[in-house]
Amino acid sequence: MSDTTRSIKITIEATGAVQSAQKIRANIERLKKELENLTAAGKMNSNEYLKNKKALDTQTAALGKHEAKVKEVERVLKNLSGATYKELLSVRKQLQVALQNETRGTEKYNDILRQYKTVAKETTKAAKEMNSAVGCQPKVWDVARGAVDVCIIPVEN
């Protein structure tokens, strides 16, 4: 396993993605068993069955969304130069939250910090590219507080 792959795996684990997916899967399994029991008891048209079926559908959809989000984070981390500015900002925010929840000095913390620095560097690069493309410069105060964002130039009618 490469260093990048290991870092991405640790990062995703640190964001709570693994624990959330495990909880959702456990709920799905529990609901499936309840539905099987209700089916065996001949209660397929009962309110309890319909309630559990609806909950199962909701949990299945939530798991799908969750897995898509994890895949998106993995994709962005593996190909930073191919990510959109919005995607970079989203991943940077997730990494920042993961850093805040880790103990400083641990291997996990250092891996997340390394990923965070890489994403932050790429985010800054993308912001500079956008600003130079539209011909505007960020204000000194914005640079100092790290809030360099896209400059908007009014269009004449």
N, C-alpha and C. Protein backbone atom coordinates (compact mmCIF):
# COMPACT_ATOMS: atom_id res chain seq x y z
N MET A 1 0.86 -1.17 0.00
CA MET A 1 0.00 0.00 0.00
C MET A 1 0.90 1.23 0.00
N SER A 2 0.64 2.17 -0.93
CA SER A 2 1.46 3.36 -1.02
C SER A 2 1.17 4.30 0.14
N ASP A 3 2.11 5.24 0.35
CA ASP A 3 1.94 6.23 1.41
C ASP A 3 0.68 7.05 1.21
N THR A 4 0.42 7.44 -0.05
CA THR A 4 -0.76 8.24 -0.34
C THR A 4 -2.03 7.47 -0.03
N THR A 5 -2.09 6.22 -0.46
CA THR A 5 -3.27 5.39 -0.20
C THR A 5 -3.47 5.21 1.30
N ARG A 6 -2.39 4.97 2.03
CA ARG A 6 -2.48 4.81 3.48
C ARG A 6 -2.97 6.09 4.12
N SER A 7 -2.46 7.23 3.67
CA SER A 7 -2.88 8.52 4.23
C SER A 7 -4.34 8.78 3.95
N ILE A 8 -4.78 8.46 2.73
CA ILE A 8 -6.18 8.68 2.38
C ILE A 8 -7.07 7.79 3.24
N LYS A 9 -6.67 6.54 3.42
CA LYS A 9 -7.45 5.61 4.24
C LYS A 9 -7.54 6.12 5.69
N ILE A 10 -6.42 6.56 6.24
CA ILE A 10 -6.41 7.10 7.61
C ILE A 10 -7.27 8.35 7.69
N THR A 11 -7.18 9.20 6.68
CA THR A 11 -7.97 10.43 6.67
C THR A 11 -9.45 10.13 6.68
N ILE A 12 -9.88 9.21 5.85
CA ILE A 12 -11.30 8.87 5.78
C ILE A 12 -11.76 8.23 7.08
N GLU A 13 -10.93 7.39 7.67
CA GLU A 13 -11.27 6.80 8.96
C GLU A 13 -11.40 7.88 10.02
N ALA A 14 -10.52 8.88 9.98
CA ALA A 14 -10.53 9.92 10.99
C ALA A 14 -11.73 10.85 10.88
N THR A 15 -12.31 10.97 9.70
CA THR A 15 -13.45 11.85 9.55
C THR A 15 -14.74 11.23 10.10
N GLY A 16 -14.64 10.00 10.60
CA GLY A 16 -15.81 9.36 11.16
C GLY A 16 -16.63 8.62 10.11
N ALA A 17 -16.12 8.58 8.89
CA ALA A 17 -16.86 7.95 7.80
C ALA A 17 -17.06 6.46 8.04
N VAL A 18 -16.04 5.79 8.54
CA VAL A 18 -16.13 4.35 8.76
C VAL A 18 -17.16 4.04 9.85
N GLN A 19 -17.11 4.79 10.95
CA GLN A 19 -18.05 4.55 12.04
C GLN A 19 -19.48 4.83 11.60
N SER A 20 -19.68 5.90 10.84
CA SER A 20 -21.03 6.23 10.37
C SER A 20 -21.56 5.13 9.46
N ALA A 21 -20.73 4.65 8.56
CA ALA A 21 -21.16 3.59 7.64
C ALA A 21 -21.49 2.32 8.41
N GLN A 22 -20.70 1.99 9.44
CA GLN A 22 -20.95 0.79 10.23
C GLN A 22 -22.29 0.89 10.96
N LYS A 23 -22.60 2.06 11.50
CA LYS A 23 -23.88 2.25 12.19
C LYS A 23 -25.05 2.10 11.22
N ILE A 24 -24.91 2.69 10.05
CA ILE A 24 -25.98 2.60 9.06
C ILE A 24 -26.17 1.14 8.62
N ARG A 25 -25.07 0.44 8.37
CA ARG A 25 -25.17 -0.98 7.96
C ARG A 25 -25.82 -1.83 9.05
N ALA A 26 -25.47 -1.55 10.30
CA ALA A 26 -26.07 -2.29 11.41
C ALA A 26 -27.58 -2.04 11.46
N ASN A 27 -27.99 -0.79 11.25
CA ASN A 27 -29.42 -0.47 11.23
C ASN A 27 -30.12 -1.18 10.08
N ILE A 28 -29.48 -1.23 8.93
CA ILE A 28 -30.06 -1.90 7.77
C ILE A 28 -30.25 -3.38 8.05
N GLU A 29 -29.25 -4.02 8.63
CA GLU A 29 -29.36 -5.45 8.96
C GLU A 29 -30.47 -5.71 9.97
N ARG A 30 -30.55 -4.85 10.99
CA ARG A 30 -31.59 -5.00 12.00
C ARG A 30 -32.97 -4.87 11.37
N LEU A 31 -33.14 -3.87 10.50
CA LEU A 31 -34.44 -3.66 9.86
C LEU A 31 -34.79 -4.81 8.92
N LYS A 32 -33.81 -5.36 8.22
CA LYS A 32 -34.07 -6.51 7.34
C LYS A 32 -34.56 -7.70 8.14
N LYS A 33 -33.94 -7.95 9.30
CA LYS A 33 -34.35 -9.07 10.15
C LYS A 33 -35.77 -8.86 10.66
N GLU A 34 -36.07 -7.63 11.06
CA GLU A 34 -37.43 -7.34 11.55
C GLU A 34 -38.45 -7.56 10.44
N LEU A 35 -38.11 -7.15 9.22
CA LEU A 35 -39.02 -7.34 8.09
C LEU A 35 -39.20 -8.83 7.78
N GLU A 36 -38.12 -9.59 7.87
CA GLU A 36 -38.21 -11.04 7.65
C GLU A 36 -39.12 -11.68 8.69
N ASN A 37 -38.98 -11.28 9.94
CA ASN A 37 -39.81 -11.82 11.02
C ASN A 37 -41.28 -11.47 10.80
N LEU A 38 -41.54 -10.22 10.40
CA LEU A 38 -42.91 -9.80 10.16
C LEU A 38 -43.50 -10.54 8.95
N THR A 39 -42.68 -10.78 7.93
CA THR A 39 -43.14 -11.52 6.75
C THR A 39 -43.48 -12.95 7.14
N ALA A 40 -42.62 -13.57 7.93
CA ALA A 40 -42.85 -14.95 8.39
C ALA A 40 -44.11 -15.04 9.23
N ALA A 41 -44.42 -13.97 9.96
CA ALA A 41 -45.61 -13.96 10.80
C ALA A 41 -46.86 -13.56 10.00
N GLY A 42 -46.70 -13.28 8.71
CA GLY A 42 -47.84 -12.92 7.87
C GLY A 42 -48.33 -11.50 8.09
N LYS A 43 -47.47 -10.63 8.54
CA LYS A 43 -47.87 -9.24 8.83
C LYS A 43 -47.29 -8.27 7.80
N MET A 44 -47.31 -8.65 6.53
CA MET A 44 -46.71 -7.81 5.50
C MET A 44 -47.50 -6.53 5.23
N ASN A 45 -48.74 -6.47 5.63
CA ASN A 45 -49.56 -5.28 5.40
C ASN A 45 -49.76 -4.47 6.68
N SER A 46 -49.09 -4.85 7.73
CA SER A 46 -49.26 -4.15 9.00
C SER A 46 -48.54 -2.80 8.99
N ASN A 47 -48.97 -1.94 9.90
CA ASN A 47 -48.33 -0.63 10.04
C ASN A 47 -46.87 -0.78 10.43
N GLU A 48 -46.57 -1.74 11.29
CA GLU A 48 -45.19 -1.97 11.74
C GLU A 48 -44.30 -2.36 10.55
N TYR A 49 -44.82 -3.23 9.68
CA TYR A 49 -44.05 -3.65 8.50
C TYR A 49 -43.77 -2.46 7.59
N LEU A 50 -44.82 -1.67 7.32
CA LEU A 50 -44.67 -0.51 6.44
C LEU A 50 -43.70 0.52 7.03
N LYS A 51 -43.78 0.70 8.34
CA LYS A 51 -42.88 1.63 9.04
C LYS A 51 -41.42 1.16 8.91
N ASN A 52 -41.20 -0.12 9.14
CA ASN A 52 -39.84 -0.68 9.03
C ASN A 52 -39.33 -0.65 7.59
N LYS A 53 -40.22 -0.90 6.63
CA LYS A 53 -39.84 -0.86 5.22
C LYS A 53 -39.39 0.55 4.83
N LYS A 54 -40.14 1.54 5.30
CA LYS A 54 -39.80 2.93 5.01
C LYS A 54 -38.46 3.29 5.66
N ALA A 55 -38.25 2.85 6.88
CA ALA A 55 -36.99 3.11 7.57
C ALA A 55 -35.83 2.43 6.85
N LEU A 56 -36.05 1.22 6.36
CA LEU A 56 -35.02 0.50 5.61
C LEU A 56 -34.66 1.26 4.34
N ASP A 57 -35.66 1.74 3.62
CA ASP A 57 -35.41 2.51 2.40
C ASP A 57 -34.62 3.78 2.71
N THR A 58 -34.97 4.44 3.80
CA THR A 58 -34.26 5.66 4.21
C THR A 58 -32.81 5.37 4.56
N GLN A 59 -32.59 4.30 5.32
CA GLN A 59 -31.22 3.93 5.71
C GLN A 59 -30.39 3.50 4.50
N THR A 60 -31.00 2.79 3.57
CA THR A 60 -30.29 2.37 2.36
C THR A 60 -29.88 3.59 1.53
N ALA A 61 -30.78 4.54 1.41
CA ALA A 61 -30.46 5.76 0.67
C ALA A 61 -29.35 6.54 1.38
N ALA A 62 -29.41 6.60 2.71
CA ALA A 62 -28.39 7.31 3.48
C ALA A 62 -27.02 6.66 3.30
N LEU A 63 -27.00 5.33 3.27
CA LEU A 63 -25.74 4.62 3.07
C LEU A 63 -25.18 4.92 1.68
N GLY A 64 -26.04 4.95 0.70
CA GLY A 64 -25.61 5.27 -0.67
C GLY A 64 -25.00 6.65 -0.76
N LYS A 65 -25.66 7.63 -0.15
CA LYS A 65 -25.14 9.01 -0.14
C LYS A 65 -23.81 9.08 0.60
N HIS A 66 -23.75 8.37 1.71
CA HIS A 66 -22.54 8.37 2.53
C HIS A 66 -21.37 7.77 1.76
N GLU A 67 -21.60 6.65 1.12
CA GLU A 67 -20.54 6.00 0.35
C GLU A 67 -20.10 6.86 -0.83
N ALA A 68 -21.04 7.56 -1.44
CA ALA A 68 -20.69 8.46 -2.55
C ALA A 68 -19.80 9.60 -2.06
N LYS A 69 -20.11 10.10 -0.88
CA LYS A 69 -19.31 11.19 -0.31
C LYS A 69 -17.89 10.71 -0.01
N VAL A 70 -17.77 9.52 0.54
CA VAL A 70 -16.44 8.96 0.85
C VAL A 70 -15.65 8.77 -0.44
N LYS A 71 -16.30 8.25 -1.48
CA LYS A 71 -15.63 8.05 -2.77
C LYS A 71 -15.18 9.38 -3.35
N GLU A 72 -16.00 10.41 -3.17
CA GLU A 72 -15.65 11.74 -3.68
C GLU A 72 -14.41 12.28 -2.97
N VAL A 73 -14.34 12.11 -1.65
CA VAL A 73 -13.16 12.55 -0.89
C VAL A 73 -11.93 11.79 -1.37
N GLU A 74 -12.06 10.49 -1.54
CA GLU A 74 -10.93 9.68 -2.04
C GLU A 74 -10.48 10.17 -3.41
N ARG A 75 -11.44 10.43 -4.29
CA ARG A 75 -11.12 10.87 -5.64
C ARG A 75 -10.38 12.21 -5.62
N VAL A 76 -10.85 13.13 -4.82
CA VAL A 76 -10.22 14.45 -4.74
C VAL A 76 -8.81 14.33 -4.17
N LEU A 77 -8.65 13.53 -3.11
CA LEU A 77 -7.34 13.38 -2.50
C LEU A 77 -6.34 12.69 -3.43
N LYS A 78 -6.82 11.79 -4.28
CA LYS A 78 -5.92 11.09 -5.21
C LYS A 78 -5.56 11.96 -6.41
N ASN A 79 -6.39 12.91 -6.75
CA ASN A 79 -6.14 13.74 -7.93
C ASN A 79 -6.45 15.20 -7.63
N LEU A 80 -5.63 15.83 -6.81
CA LEU A 80 -5.88 17.20 -6.40
C LEU A 80 -5.91 18.17 -7.57
N SER A 81 -5.03 17.98 -8.53
CA SER A 81 -4.97 18.91 -9.65
C SER A 81 -6.19 18.80 -10.56
N GLY A 82 -6.92 17.70 -10.46
CA GLY A 82 -8.12 17.52 -11.28
C GLY A 82 -9.40 17.86 -10.54
N ALA A 83 -9.28 18.34 -9.31
CA ALA A 83 -10.47 18.65 -8.51
C ALA A 83 -10.90 20.10 -8.74
N THR A 84 -12.18 20.34 -8.55
CA THR A 84 -12.67 21.72 -8.64
C THR A 84 -12.33 22.47 -7.36
N TYR A 85 -12.40 23.77 -7.44
CA TYR A 85 -12.11 24.61 -6.28
C TYR A 85 -13.08 24.28 -5.14
N LYS A 86 -14.34 24.10 -5.48
CA LYS A 86 -15.36 23.78 -4.47
C LYS A 86 -15.06 22.45 -3.79
N GLU A 87 -14.63 21.45 -4.57
CA GLU A 87 -14.28 20.15 -4.01
C GLU A 87 -13.08 20.27 -3.07
N LEU A 88 -12.09 21.05 -3.48
CA LEU A 88 -10.92 21.26 -2.63
C LEU A 88 -11.31 21.90 -1.30
N LEU A 89 -12.18 22.90 -1.35
CA LEU A 89 -12.63 23.56 -0.12
C LEU A 89 -13.36 22.58 0.79
N SER A 90 -14.20 21.73 0.20
CA SER A 90 -14.96 20.76 0.97
C SER A 90 -14.03 19.76 1.67
N VAL A 91 -13.07 19.22 0.93
CA VAL A 91 -12.14 18.25 1.51
C VAL A 91 -11.27 18.91 2.57
N ARG A 92 -10.84 20.15 2.31
CA ARG A 92 -10.02 20.86 3.29
C ARG A 92 -10.79 21.03 4.60
N LYS A 93 -12.06 21.34 4.51
CA LYS A 93 -12.90 21.51 5.70
C LYS A 93 -13.04 20.19 6.46
N GLN A 94 -13.25 19.10 5.74
CA GLN A 94 -13.37 17.78 6.37
C GLN A 94 -12.07 17.39 7.07
N LEU A 95 -10.95 17.68 6.42
CA LEU A 95 -9.66 17.36 7.03
C LEU A 95 -9.42 18.21 8.28
N GLN A 96 -9.85 19.45 8.23
CA GLN A 96 -9.69 20.33 9.38
C GLN A 96 -10.48 19.80 10.58
N VAL A 97 -11.68 19.33 10.34
CA VAL A 97 -12.49 18.75 11.41
C VAL A 97 -11.81 17.49 11.96
N ALA A 98 -11.28 16.66 11.05
CA ALA A 98 -10.60 15.44 11.48
C ALA A 98 -9.37 15.78 12.33
N LEU A 99 -8.64 16.82 11.95
CA LEU A 99 -7.47 17.24 12.74
C LEU A 99 -7.88 17.68 14.14
N GLN A 100 -8.98 18.39 14.23
CA GLN A 100 -9.44 18.90 15.53
C GLN A 100 -9.83 17.77 16.47
N ASN A 101 -10.16 16.61 15.91
CA ASN A 101 -10.60 15.48 16.73
C ASN A 101 -9.50 14.47 17.02
N GLU A 102 -8.28 14.74 16.56
CA GLU A 102 -7.15 13.82 16.78
C GLU A 102 -6.18 14.39 17.80
N THR A 103 -5.43 13.50 18.42
CA THR A 103 -4.40 13.89 19.38
C THR A 103 -3.14 14.28 18.63
N ARG A 104 -2.63 15.46 18.94
CA ARG A 104 -1.42 15.95 18.28
C ARG A 104 -0.25 15.00 18.52
N GLY A 105 0.57 14.87 17.49
CA GLY A 105 1.78 14.07 17.61
C GLY A 105 1.61 12.60 17.27
N THR A 106 0.38 12.13 17.13
CA THR A 106 0.17 10.72 16.77
C THR A 106 0.40 10.54 15.27
N GLU A 107 0.59 9.30 14.87
CA GLU A 107 0.81 9.00 13.45
C GLU A 107 -0.42 9.41 12.63
N LYS A 108 -1.58 9.12 13.17
CA LYS A 108 -2.82 9.45 12.48
C LYS A 108 -2.93 10.97 12.28
N TYR A 109 -2.63 11.71 13.34
CA TYR A 109 -2.66 13.18 13.28
C TYR A 109 -1.69 13.68 12.21
N ASN A 110 -0.47 13.16 12.21
CA ASN A 110 0.54 13.60 11.26
C ASN A 110 0.15 13.29 9.82
N ASP A 111 -0.47 12.13 9.59
CA ASP A 111 -0.94 11.79 8.25
C ASP A 111 -2.04 12.74 7.79
N ILE A 112 -2.98 13.03 8.67
CA ILE A 112 -4.07 13.95 8.33
C ILE A 112 -3.51 15.35 8.09
N LEU A 113 -2.57 15.77 8.93
CA LEU A 113 -1.96 17.08 8.78
C LEU A 113 -1.24 17.19 7.44
N ARG A 114 -0.55 16.14 7.05
CA ARG A 114 0.15 16.13 5.76
C ARG A 114 -0.87 16.28 4.62
N GLN A 115 -1.97 15.55 4.70
CA GLN A 115 -3.02 15.66 3.68
C GLN A 115 -3.62 17.07 3.68
N TYR A 116 -3.86 17.60 4.88
CA TYR A 116 -4.44 18.94 5.00
C TYR A 116 -3.55 19.98 4.34
N LYS A 117 -2.26 19.91 4.62
CA LYS A 117 -1.31 20.87 4.04
C LYS A 117 -1.30 20.76 2.52
N THR A 118 -1.35 19.54 2.01
CA THR A 118 -1.35 19.33 0.56
C THR A 118 -2.60 19.93 -0.07
N VAL A 119 -3.76 19.67 0.55
CA VAL A 119 -5.02 20.19 0.02
C VAL A 119 -5.06 21.72 0.15
N ALA A 120 -4.58 22.24 1.27
CA ALA A 120 -4.57 23.70 1.47
C ALA A 120 -3.68 24.37 0.42
N LYS A 121 -2.55 23.77 0.14
CA LYS A 121 -1.62 24.30 -0.86
C LYS A 121 -2.29 24.32 -2.24
N GLU A 122 -2.97 23.23 -2.57
CA GLU A 122 -3.65 23.14 -3.87
C GLU A 122 -4.82 24.12 -3.94
N THR A 123 -5.51 24.33 -2.81
CA THR A 123 -6.62 25.28 -2.76
C THR A 123 -6.10 26.70 -3.01
N THR A 124 -5.00 27.05 -2.37
CA THR A 124 -4.39 28.37 -2.56
C THR A 124 -3.95 28.55 -4.01
N LYS A 125 -3.38 27.51 -4.57
CA LYS A 125 -2.93 27.56 -5.96
C LYS A 125 -4.12 27.80 -6.89
N ALA A 126 -5.21 27.08 -6.65
CA ALA A 126 -6.41 27.24 -7.48
C ALA A 126 -6.98 28.64 -7.35
N ALA A 127 -6.99 29.18 -6.13
CA ALA A 127 -7.52 30.53 -5.91
C ALA A 127 -6.68 31.56 -6.65
N LYS A 128 -5.36 31.39 -6.60
CA LYS A 128 -4.47 32.32 -7.30
C LYS A 128 -4.69 32.24 -8.81
N GLU A 129 -4.87 31.02 -9.32
CA GLU A 129 -5.12 30.84 -10.75
C GLU A 129 -6.41 31.54 -11.16
N MET A 130 -7.45 31.40 -10.36
CA MET A 130 -8.72 32.03 -10.68
C MET A 130 -8.60 33.54 -10.62
N ASN A 131 -7.91 34.05 -9.60
CA ASN A 131 -7.77 35.49 -9.45
C ASN A 131 -6.94 36.08 -10.59
N SER A 132 -5.89 35.41 -11.00
CA SER A 132 -5.07 35.94 -12.09
C SER A 132 -5.81 35.84 -13.42
N ALA A 133 -6.66 34.84 -13.55
CA ALA A 133 -7.42 34.67 -14.80
C ALA A 133 -8.43 35.79 -14.99
N VAL A 134 -9.00 36.28 -13.91
CA VAL A 134 -9.99 37.36 -14.04
C VAL A 134 -9.36 38.73 -13.80
N GLY A 135 -8.07 38.76 -13.53
CA GLY A 135 -7.34 40.03 -13.43
C GLY A 135 -7.62 40.82 -12.18
N CYS A 136 -7.77 40.17 -11.06
CA CYS A 136 -7.96 40.91 -9.82
C CYS A 136 -7.00 40.38 -8.77
N GLN A 137 -6.72 41.19 -7.80
CA GLN A 137 -5.81 40.82 -6.73
C GLN A 137 -6.58 40.80 -5.40
N PRO A 138 -6.28 39.85 -4.54
CA PRO A 138 -6.96 39.82 -3.24
C PRO A 138 -6.50 40.98 -2.37
N LYS A 139 -7.35 41.40 -1.47
CA LYS A 139 -6.99 42.46 -0.53
C LYS A 139 -6.01 41.90 0.50
N VAL A 140 -5.15 42.76 1.01
CA VAL A 140 -4.13 42.36 1.97
C VAL A 140 -4.78 41.72 3.20
N TRP A 141 -5.87 42.28 3.66
CA TRP A 141 -6.54 41.75 4.84
C TRP A 141 -7.05 40.33 4.59
N ASP A 142 -7.61 40.07 3.39
CA ASP A 142 -8.10 38.75 3.05
C ASP A 142 -6.98 37.72 3.04
N VAL A 143 -5.82 38.11 2.49
CA VAL A 143 -4.68 37.21 2.46
C VAL A 143 -4.22 36.89 3.88
N ALA A 144 -4.17 37.91 4.73
CA ALA A 144 -3.71 37.73 6.11
C ALA A 144 -4.60 36.78 6.90
N ARG A 145 -5.88 36.82 6.65
CA ARG A 145 -6.79 35.94 7.40
C ARG A 145 -7.08 34.65 6.64
N GLY A 146 -6.44 34.46 5.49
CA GLY A 146 -6.58 33.20 4.76
C GLY A 146 -7.89 33.06 4.03
N ALA A 147 -8.53 34.16 3.73
CA ALA A 147 -9.85 34.11 3.10
C ALA A 147 -9.78 34.55 1.64
N VAL A 148 -8.74 34.15 0.96
CA VAL A 148 -8.64 34.48 -0.45
C VAL A 148 -9.66 33.63 -1.18
N ASP A 149 -10.52 34.28 -1.90
CA ASP A 149 -11.57 33.57 -2.61
C ASP A 149 -11.65 34.13 -4.02
N VAL A 150 -12.66 33.79 -4.72
CA VAL A 150 -12.81 34.24 -6.10
C VAL A 150 -13.22 35.70 -6.14
N CYS A 151 -12.53 36.49 -6.97
CA CYS A 151 -12.93 37.87 -7.19
C CYS A 151 -14.04 37.90 -8.23
N ILE A 152 -15.00 38.74 -8.03
CA ILE A 152 -16.09 38.89 -8.97
C ILE A 152 -15.93 40.25 -9.66
N ILE A 153 -15.91 40.22 -10.97
CA ILE A 153 -15.80 41.46 -11.73
C ILE A 153 -17.15 41.72 -12.37
N PRO A 154 -17.73 42.92 -12.11
CA PRO A 154 -19.05 43.21 -12.68
C PRO A 154 -18.99 43.25 -14.21
N VAL A 155 -20.04 42.77 -14.84
CA VAL A 155 -20.14 42.76 -16.30
C VAL A 155 -20.98 43.94 -16.71
N GLU A 156 -20.47 44.67 -17.72
CA GLU A 156 -21.22 45.82 -18.20
C GLU A 156 -22.34 45.37 -19.12
N ASN A 157 -23.47 46.06 -19.05
CA ASN A 157 -24.62 45.73 -19.92
C ASN A 157 -24.55 46.45 -21.22
